Amino acid sequence: MSRPAHHMADGTFVNTDGKAISKSFTDLLRWRWNRAEPDAQHFDVIKPDPDLISKPAVTQITWLGHSAFLLQVKGKNILTDPHFSKRASPLSFLGPERIVEPPMMIEELPHIDAVVISHNHYDHLDEESLTDIYLRQQGTPPVFLVPLGLKEELLSYGIEQVVELDWWESYEYDGVVLTALPVKHWSQRTFFDRNKSLWAGWLVDVEDFRFFHTGDSGYSDDFRKIGEGYPGIDLATIPIGAYDPRWFMKDAHMSPEEAVQTFIDLKAEKAIGMHWGTFILTDEEMDEPPIRLADALQEMGIEASNFPVMGHGEIYQISSADE
């Protein structure tokens, strides 16, 4: 049986263009040596209304910072890339520090049905957050969905209810259909495992509601194909930050302008900007992504209300129809 095109003979993965993102250590040093790290900035944190969280009257999504969202739809509670720790790092004393506190703590979350992880970078896969979520619901744990090659990582944490999927594969769980879809990125968690696990965006179907979590991605033709193959996306979460300097970040992280094109390619009804304003990962100012997003939407003639940027902890209600 022939292996899929994105599976390499050495056990690593590549993007749909057949290429692996693999910047050299020299390039990394060049960026780090020349960079001027932006200043930390203050953002207001909204404390979500506990009544709205515990008993949502409509489909709604709450931004928990960076790429973490709580999606509540048709009685299901789904978390994306949950991160509640002080650093996006394997070390408690070094690495990107959280600038904006989480608007909710794990003990304040409702009962979680499913958790989707886009890839293994430390700002998206946080061991402490995942284990705390699992232990809090040990009797009735959520199902943890991960891209191919990441199941063993979660099993090593003691998390047992894990499903790993290759691109285009789906898993149905308690009325929720979750599908892993290709995006343009890479993976690495140690010095020795570059691209040995897959990365993915996640399509979530709950009855007649369709949601797409992009995860982390550079701009690519994947989004046009997803828009054509999976029509009727009601809401997409799309990264708008961590894009400068472009010579180093372009392959892996889209700019706000490319995020708008991704929205167009997906043919989504609405989108929300994410992956900004929580950590300092790259060189743009922390408050720049929403400004550039607004300009790009205006340039393309798209109403800002169709692609909003949320405050930390803000609840965005998607439907006003009876649920």
Protein backbone atom coordinates (compact mmCIF):
# COMPACT_ATOMS: atom_id res chain seq x y z
CA MET A 1 0.00 0.00 0.00
CA SER A 2 1.47 3.35 -1.02
CA ARG A 3 1.88 5.98 1.67
CA PRO A 4 0.15 9.38 1.41
CA ALA A 5 2.17 12.11 -0.30
CA HIS A 6 2.72 14.05 2.93
CA HIS A 7 4.23 10.99 4.66
CA MET A 8 8.00 10.73 4.13
CA ALA A 9 9.94 7.46 4.13
CA ASP A 10 11.92 8.60 7.18
CA GLY A 11 8.75 8.98 9.27
CA THR A 12 8.48 12.76 8.98
CA PHE A 13 5.74 14.84 7.37
CA VAL A 14 5.65 17.60 4.76
CA ASN A 15 3.05 20.12 3.64
CA THR A 16 0.71 19.59 0.69
CA ASP A 17 3.21 21.37 -1.57
CA GLY A 18 5.65 18.54 -0.85
CA LYS A 19 7.96 20.78 1.18
CA ALA A 20 8.95 20.77 4.83
CA ILE A 21 9.38 24.03 6.70
CA SER A 22 12.87 23.71 8.07
CA LYS A 23 14.64 26.98 8.82
CA SER A 24 18.30 26.56 9.62
CA PHE A 25 19.85 27.29 13.00
CA THR A 26 21.83 30.01 11.23
CA ASP A 27 18.60 31.70 10.13
CA LEU A 28 17.27 31.48 13.68
CA LEU A 29 20.42 33.10 15.05
CA ARG A 30 20.27 35.79 12.35
CA TRP A 31 16.70 36.66 13.37
CA ARG A 32 17.40 36.57 17.10
CA TRP A 33 20.62 38.57 16.79
CA ASN A 34 19.01 41.39 14.84
CA ARG A 35 15.60 41.58 16.49
CA ALA A 36 14.25 44.30 18.73
CA GLU A 37 11.62 42.59 20.86
CA PRO A 38 8.42 44.60 21.10
CA ASP A 39 7.22 45.96 24.42
CA ALA A 40 4.64 44.13 26.49
CA GLN A 41 1.26 45.83 26.26
CA HIS A 42 -1.76 45.90 28.51
CA PHE A 43 -5.07 44.53 27.25
CA ASP A 44 -8.28 44.53 29.24
CA VAL A 45 -9.41 41.09 30.33
CA ILE A 46 -13.14 40.45 30.41
CA LYS A 47 -14.39 38.00 33.03
CA PRO A 48 -16.95 35.87 31.17
CA ASP A 49 -20.42 35.84 32.71
CA PRO A 50 -20.59 32.46 34.52
CA ASP A 51 -24.33 32.20 33.83
CA LEU A 52 -23.74 32.57 30.08
CA ILE A 53 -20.96 29.98 30.22
CA SER A 54 -22.93 27.46 32.29
CA LYS A 55 -26.21 27.85 30.39
CA PRO A 56 -25.62 29.29 26.91
CA ALA A 57 -28.90 30.22 25.26
CA VAL A 58 -27.36 30.30 21.77
CA THR A 59 -24.29 29.06 19.94
CA GLN A 60 -21.35 31.05 21.29
CA ILE A 61 -17.56 31.15 21.41
CA THR A 62 -15.31 32.65 24.09
CA TRP A 63 -11.72 33.74 23.43
CA LEU A 64 -9.41 32.48 26.17
CA GLY A 65 -6.31 34.08 24.62
CA HIS A 66 -3.90 33.16 21.82
CA SER A 67 -5.48 30.18 19.94
CA ALA A 68 -7.61 28.92 22.82
CA PHE A 69 -11.39 29.12 22.43
CA LEU A 70 -14.37 27.62 24.19
CA LEU A 71 -16.99 26.77 21.55
CA GLN A 72 -20.46 26.03 22.92
CA VAL A 73 -22.92 24.66 20.39
CA LYS A 74 -26.00 22.44 20.65
CA GLY A 75 -25.18 21.50 24.24
CA LYS A 76 -21.55 20.58 23.44
CA ASN A 77 -18.48 22.29 24.88
CA ILE A 78 -15.32 22.13 22.76
CA LEU A 79 -11.88 23.59 23.54
CA THR A 80 -9.26 24.50 20.93
CA ASP A 81 -5.53 24.56 21.75
CA PRO A 82 -6.12 25.22 25.48
CA HIS A 83 -3.28 27.11 27.17
CA PHE A 84 -3.58 28.41 30.73
CA SER A 85 0.08 28.31 31.85
CA LYS A 86 2.48 31.18 32.55
CA ARG A 87 4.87 30.27 29.73
CA ALA A 88 4.75 28.67 26.29
CA SER A 89 7.86 26.66 27.04
CA PRO A 90 9.09 23.33 28.43
CA LEU A 91 10.73 25.35 31.21
CA SER A 92 8.98 27.17 34.04
CA PHE A 93 11.66 29.90 34.18
CA LEU A 94 12.50 30.52 30.51
CA GLY A 95 10.68 30.95 27.22
CA PRO A 96 7.78 33.11 26.00
CA GLU A 97 5.93 34.46 29.01
CA ARG A 98 2.21 34.99 29.07
CA ILE A 99 1.58 38.74 28.97
CA VAL A 100 -2.20 38.62 29.43
CA GLU A 101 -3.70 36.40 32.13
CA PRO A 102 -6.32 33.81 31.13
CA PRO A 103 -9.83 35.22 31.49
CA MET A 104 -10.98 31.91 32.97
CA MET A 105 -9.20 29.25 34.96
CA ILE A 106 -9.65 25.56 34.25
CA GLU A 107 -11.87 25.04 37.31
CA GLU A 108 -14.25 27.68 35.91
CA LEU A 109 -14.78 25.84 32.62
CA PRO A 110 -17.99 23.94 31.98
CA HIS A 111 -17.87 20.19 31.41
CA ILE A 112 -15.75 19.77 28.27
CA ASP A 113 -16.79 17.24 25.62
CA ALA A 114 -13.84 17.49 23.24
CA VAL A 115 -10.41 19.13 23.03
CA VAL A 116 -8.69 19.67 19.68
CA ILE A 117 -4.94 20.23 19.38
CA SER A 118 -3.55 21.67 16.15
CA HIS A 119 0.13 20.71 16.60
CA ASN A 120 2.84 20.20 19.19
CA HIS A 121 4.41 23.67 19.56
CA TYR A 122 4.39 24.81 23.18
CA ASP A 123 1.98 27.70 22.62
CA HIS A 124 -0.63 25.21 21.34
CA LEU A 125 0.06 21.98 23.21
CA ASP A 126 0.55 22.75 26.90
CA GLU A 127 1.06 19.68 29.08
CA GLU A 128 0.00 21.32 32.33
CA SER A 129 -3.26 22.64 30.87
CA LEU A 130 -4.16 19.33 29.23
CA THR A 131 -3.45 17.25 32.31
CA ASP A 132 -5.41 19.63 34.54
CA ILE A 133 -8.41 19.47 32.19
CA TYR A 134 -8.19 15.69 32.11
CA LEU A 135 -7.84 15.25 35.89
CA ARG A 136 -10.71 17.65 36.57
CA GLN A 137 -12.99 15.35 34.55
CA GLN A 138 -11.26 12.05 35.20
CA GLY A 139 -14.52 10.19 35.63
CA THR A 140 -16.00 11.54 32.39
CA PRO A 141 -13.04 12.96 30.46
CA PRO A 142 -13.28 14.80 27.17
CA VAL A 143 -11.96 13.15 24.05
CA PHE A 144 -8.64 14.68 22.99
CA LEU A 145 -8.19 14.96 19.21
CA VAL A 146 -4.61 15.27 17.92
CA PRO A 147 -2.88 15.08 14.53
CA LEU A 148 -1.07 11.89 13.55
CA GLY A 149 1.95 11.12 15.69
CA LEU A 150 0.85 12.97 18.85
CA LYS A 151 -1.16 10.29 20.65
CA GLU A 152 1.90 8.89 22.43
CA GLU A 153 2.73 12.37 23.74
CA LEU A 154 -0.63 12.66 25.49
CA LEU A 155 -0.55 9.07 26.69
CA SER A 156 2.77 9.89 28.36
CA TYR A 157 0.91 12.54 30.39
CA GLY A 158 -1.53 9.92 31.64
CA ILE A 159 -4.32 11.10 29.31
CA GLU A 160 -6.02 8.00 27.95
CA GLN A 161 -8.95 9.19 25.85
CA VAL A 162 -6.94 10.26 22.81
CA VAL A 163 -7.74 9.95 19.11
CA GLU A 164 -5.14 10.81 16.47
CA LEU A 165 -6.09 11.49 12.87
CA ASP A 166 -4.34 11.95 9.56
CA TRP A 167 -5.43 14.72 7.21
CA TRP A 168 -8.92 14.18 5.75
CA GLU A 169 -9.82 11.62 8.44
CA SER A 170 -12.89 12.12 10.64
CA TYR A 171 -14.00 10.87 14.04
CA GLU A 172 -17.54 10.97 15.39
CA TYR A 173 -18.00 11.39 19.12
CA ASP A 174 -21.34 11.87 20.84
CA GLY A 175 -22.92 13.70 17.92
CA VAL A 176 -19.81 15.74 17.06
CA VAL A 177 -17.87 15.00 13.85
CA LEU A 178 -14.26 16.17 13.97
CA THR A 179 -12.10 16.21 10.83
CA ALA A 180 -8.37 16.90 10.57
CA LEU A 181 -7.53 19.04 7.54
CA PRO A 182 -4.21 20.19 6.03
CA VAL A 183 -2.68 23.53 6.86
CA LYS A 184 0.84 24.81 6.13
CA HIS A 185 3.05 24.48 9.18
CA TRP A 186 5.60 22.25 10.92
CA SER A 187 6.17 20.52 14.24
CA GLN A 188 8.90 20.25 16.84
CA ARG A 189 8.94 19.78 20.59
CA THR A 190 12.52 18.62 21.21
CA PHE A 191 15.83 18.86 19.38
CA PHE A 192 15.22 15.45 17.83
CA ASP A 193 11.61 15.31 16.60
CA ARG A 194 11.25 17.97 13.89
CA ASN A 195 8.22 17.20 11.69
CA LYS A 196 7.81 13.72 13.21
CA SER A 197 4.21 14.53 14.14
CA LEU A 198 1.61 16.12 11.91
CA TRP A 199 -0.11 19.51 12.18
CA ALA A 200 -3.74 20.19 11.25
CA GLY A 201 -6.71 22.48 11.20
CA TRP A 202 -9.90 21.07 12.69
CA LEU A 203 -13.36 21.04 11.17
CA VAL A 204 -16.09 20.56 13.77
CA ASP A 205 -19.60 19.62 12.69
CA VAL A 206 -22.40 19.64 15.27
CA GLU A 207 -25.78 19.09 13.63
CA ASP A 208 -26.17 22.00 11.16
CA PHE A 209 -23.31 24.11 12.57
CA ARG A 210 -19.85 23.95 10.94
CA PHE A 211 -16.74 25.41 12.58
CA PHE A 212 -13.14 25.49 11.36
CA HIS A 213 -10.17 26.06 13.66
CA THR A 214 -7.16 26.91 11.52
CA GLY A 215 -4.62 26.32 14.27
CA ASP A 216 -1.28 27.69 13.06
CA SER A 217 -0.54 28.14 9.36
CA GLY A 218 1.14 30.09 6.65
CA TYR A 219 -1.06 31.06 3.74
CA SER A 220 -1.54 28.27 1.21
CA ASP A 221 -3.91 26.85 -1.39
CA ASP A 222 -5.16 24.43 1.26
CA PHE A 223 -7.81 26.91 2.32
CA ARG A 224 -9.33 27.22 -1.13
CA LYS A 225 -9.57 23.42 -1.30
CA ILE A 226 -11.14 23.26 2.15
CA GLY A 227 -13.67 25.92 1.19
CA GLU A 228 -14.60 23.92 -1.90
CA GLY A 229 -14.59 20.51 -0.23
CA TYR A 230 -16.36 21.53 2.98
CA PRO A 231 -18.85 24.25 2.07
CA GLY A 232 -21.00 26.11 4.55
CA ILE A 233 -18.45 26.98 7.24
CA ASP A 234 -20.40 29.12 9.72
CA LEU A 235 -17.40 30.29 11.71
CA ALA A 236 -13.61 30.07 11.33
CA THR A 237 -10.89 31.04 13.78
CA ILE A 238 -7.95 32.39 11.76
CA PRO A 239 -4.50 33.49 13.01
CA ILE A 240 -3.62 37.15 12.48
CA GLY A 241 -0.43 37.50 14.54
CA ALA A 242 3.18 36.28 14.89
CA TYR A 243 4.15 37.22 11.33
CA ASP A 244 7.26 39.44 11.49
CA PRO A 245 9.94 39.34 10.17
CA ARG A 246 8.37 38.04 6.97
CA TRP A 247 11.59 36.53 5.61
CA PHE A 248 11.59 34.16 8.59
CA MET A 249 7.89 33.75 9.43
CA LYS A 250 6.06 33.80 6.09
CA ASP A 251 6.05 30.04 5.46
CA ALA A 252 4.60 29.19 8.87
CA HIS A 253 2.52 32.24 9.93
CA MET A 254 0.14 34.27 7.79
CA SER A 255 -0.07 38.05 7.89
CA PRO A 256 -3.37 39.87 8.60
CA GLU A 257 -3.74 40.47 4.86
CA GLU A 258 -3.28 36.76 4.17
CA ALA A 259 -5.77 36.00 6.95
CA VAL A 260 -8.39 37.98 5.04
CA GLN A 261 -7.60 35.99 1.89
CA THR A 262 -7.90 32.79 3.94
CA PHE A 263 -11.36 33.92 5.06
CA ILE A 264 -12.32 34.51 1.43
CA ASP A 265 -10.88 31.13 0.35
CA LEU A 266 -12.75 29.25 3.09
CA LYS A 267 -16.01 30.96 2.05
CA ALA A 268 -16.83 31.20 5.74
CA GLU A 269 -19.83 33.15 6.96
CA LYS A 270 -17.86 34.69 9.85
CA ALA A 271 -14.29 34.58 11.16
CA ILE A 272 -12.52 35.58 14.36
CA GLY A 273 -8.89 36.69 14.55
CA MET A 274 -6.64 34.76 16.94
CA HIS A 275 -2.97 33.99 17.71
CA TRP A 276 -2.17 37.53 18.86
CA GLY A 277 -2.12 39.70 21.96
CA THR A 278 -1.23 37.03 24.53
CA PHE A 279 2.45 36.11 24.11
CA ILE A 280 5.34 37.96 22.47
CA LEU A 281 6.52 35.43 19.91
CA THR A 282 7.69 37.59 17.02
CA ASP A 283 8.65 41.17 16.12
CA GLU A 284 5.42 43.05 15.38
CA GLU A 285 3.94 45.20 18.14
CA MET A 286 1.35 43.34 20.20
CA ASP A 287 -1.51 45.63 19.12
CA GLU A 288 -0.60 45.76 15.42
CA PRO A 289 -2.45 42.67 14.08
CA PRO A 290 -6.00 44.02 14.64
CA ILE A 291 -5.05 47.35 13.04
CA ARG A 292 -3.70 45.69 9.93
CA LEU A 293 -6.67 43.32 9.85
CA ALA A 294 -9.11 46.25 9.86
CA ASP A 295 -7.22 47.92 7.02
CA ALA A 296 -7.14 44.69 4.99
CA LEU A 297 -10.87 44.11 5.44
CA GLN A 298 -11.62 47.65 4.31
CA GLU A 299 -9.33 47.22 1.29
CA MET A 300 -11.23 44.08 0.28
CA GLY A 301 -14.66 45.61 0.93
CA ILE A 302 -15.51 43.20 3.74
CA GLU A 303 -17.57 44.40 6.69
CA ALA A 304 -15.48 44.40 9.87
CA SER A 305 -18.34 42.67 11.69
CA ASN A 306 -17.78 39.59 9.50
CA PHE A 307 -14.21 39.16 10.80
CA PRO A 308 -14.05 40.68 14.29
CA VAL A 309 -11.25 40.69 16.82
CA MET A 310 -12.39 39.75 20.31
CA GLY A 311 -11.26 40.97 23.69
CA HIS A 312 -9.67 38.45 26.04
CA GLY A 313 -12.60 36.68 27.67
CA GLU A 314 -15.21 38.15 25.34
CA ILE A 315 -18.18 35.96 24.44
CA TYR A 316 -19.24 36.15 20.79
CA GLN A 317 -22.78 34.94 20.20
CA ILE A 318 -23.17 33.40 16.77
CA SER A 319 -26.84 32.51 16.64
CA SER A 320 -29.97 34.04 18.06
CA ALA A 321 -32.23 31.26 16.91
CA ASP A 322 -33.79 28.85 19.37
CA GLU A 323 -31.34 26.04 20.11
